[in-house]
Amino acid sequence: MCQILDVSRSSYYDWLKRPDLTDYELEAKILDIFKSSRETY
């Protein structure tokens, strides 16, 4: 699967260990990026 996705095994397993973001946390991150980009992205 890692070959198909073109990612290293270590990156894949690191990704698996990351906690899932709640919708609220994700929205907050998106808004921060939007504001820091002068509301262009």
C-alpha atoms as a PDB file:
ATOM      1  CA  MET A   1       0.000   0.000   0.000  1.00  0.00           C
ATOM      2  CA  CYS A   2       2.820   2.450   0.791  1.00  0.00           C
ATOM      3  CA  GLN A   3       4.258   1.943  -2.686  1.00  0.00           C
ATOM      4  CA  ILE A   4       0.895   2.679  -4.290  1.00  0.00           C
ATOM      5  CA  LEU A   5       0.482   5.842  -2.204  1.00  0.00           C
ATOM      6  CA  ASP A   6       4.160   6.760  -2.684  1.00  0.00           C
ATOM      7  CA  VAL A   7       4.820   7.267   1.029  1.00  0.00           C
ATOM      8  CA  SER A   8       7.412   5.732   3.300  1.00  0.00           C
ATOM      9  CA  ARG A   9       6.348   3.127   5.833  1.00  0.00           C
ATOM     10  CA  SER A  10       7.584   5.250   8.721  1.00  0.00           C
ATOM     11  CA  SER A  11       5.497   8.219   7.559  1.00  0.00           C
ATOM     12  CA  TYR A  12       2.436   6.004   7.272  1.00  0.00           C
ATOM     13  CA  TYR A  13       2.855   4.620  10.787  1.00  0.00           C
ATOM     14  CA  ASP A  14       3.515   8.100  12.200  1.00  0.00           C
ATOM     15  CA  TRP A  15       0.280   9.248  10.553  1.00  0.00           C
ATOM     16  CA  LEU A  16      -1.629   6.357  12.144  1.00  0.00           C
ATOM     17  CA  LYS A  17      -0.493   7.426  15.612  1.00  0.00           C
ATOM     18  CA  ARG A  18      -1.754  11.004  15.230  1.00  0.00           C
ATOM     19  CA  PRO A  19      -4.959  11.789  17.076  1.00  0.00           C
ATOM     20  CA  ASP A  20      -7.992  12.601  14.955  1.00  0.00           C
ATOM     21  CA  LEU A  21      -9.041  16.232  14.939  1.00  0.00           C
ATOM     22  CA  THR A  22     -12.555  17.079  15.952  1.00  0.00           C
ATOM     23  CA  ASP A  23     -14.590  19.238  13.600  1.00  0.00           C
ATOM     24  CA  TYR A  24     -14.133  22.180  15.964  1.00  0.00           C
ATOM     25  CA  GLU A  25     -10.340  21.810  16.027  1.00  0.00           C
ATOM     26  CA  LEU A  26     -10.193  21.458  12.261  1.00  0.00           C
ATOM     27  CA  GLU A  27     -12.374  24.526  11.755  1.00  0.00           C
ATOM     28  CA  ALA A  28     -10.148  26.546  14.096  1.00  0.00           C
ATOM     29  CA  LYS A  29      -7.020  25.550  12.155  1.00  0.00           C
ATOM     30  CA  ILE A  30      -8.666  26.421   8.837  1.00  0.00           C
ATOM     31  CA  LEU A  31      -9.757  29.818  10.140  1.00  0.00           C
ATOM     32  CA  ASP A  32      -6.235  30.542  11.435  1.00  0.00           C
ATOM     33  CA  ILE A  33      -4.742  29.748   8.034  1.00  0.00           C
ATOM     34  CA  PHE A  34      -7.413  31.805   6.293  1.00  0.00           C
ATOM     35  CA  LYS A  35      -6.786  34.834   8.515  1.00  0.00           C
ATOM     36  CA  SER A  36      -2.995  34.566   8.284  1.00  0.00           C
ATOM     37  CA  SER A  37      -3.229  34.514   4.487  1.00  0.00           C
ATOM     38  CA  ARG A  38      -5.126  37.816   4.479  1.00  0.00           C
ATOM     39  CA  GLU A  39      -8.328  35.874   3.825  1.00  0.00           C
ATOM     40  CA  THR A  40      -7.250  34.768   0.360  1.00  0.00           C
ATOM     41  CA  TYR A  41      -6.953  30.990   0.827  1.00  0.00           C
END
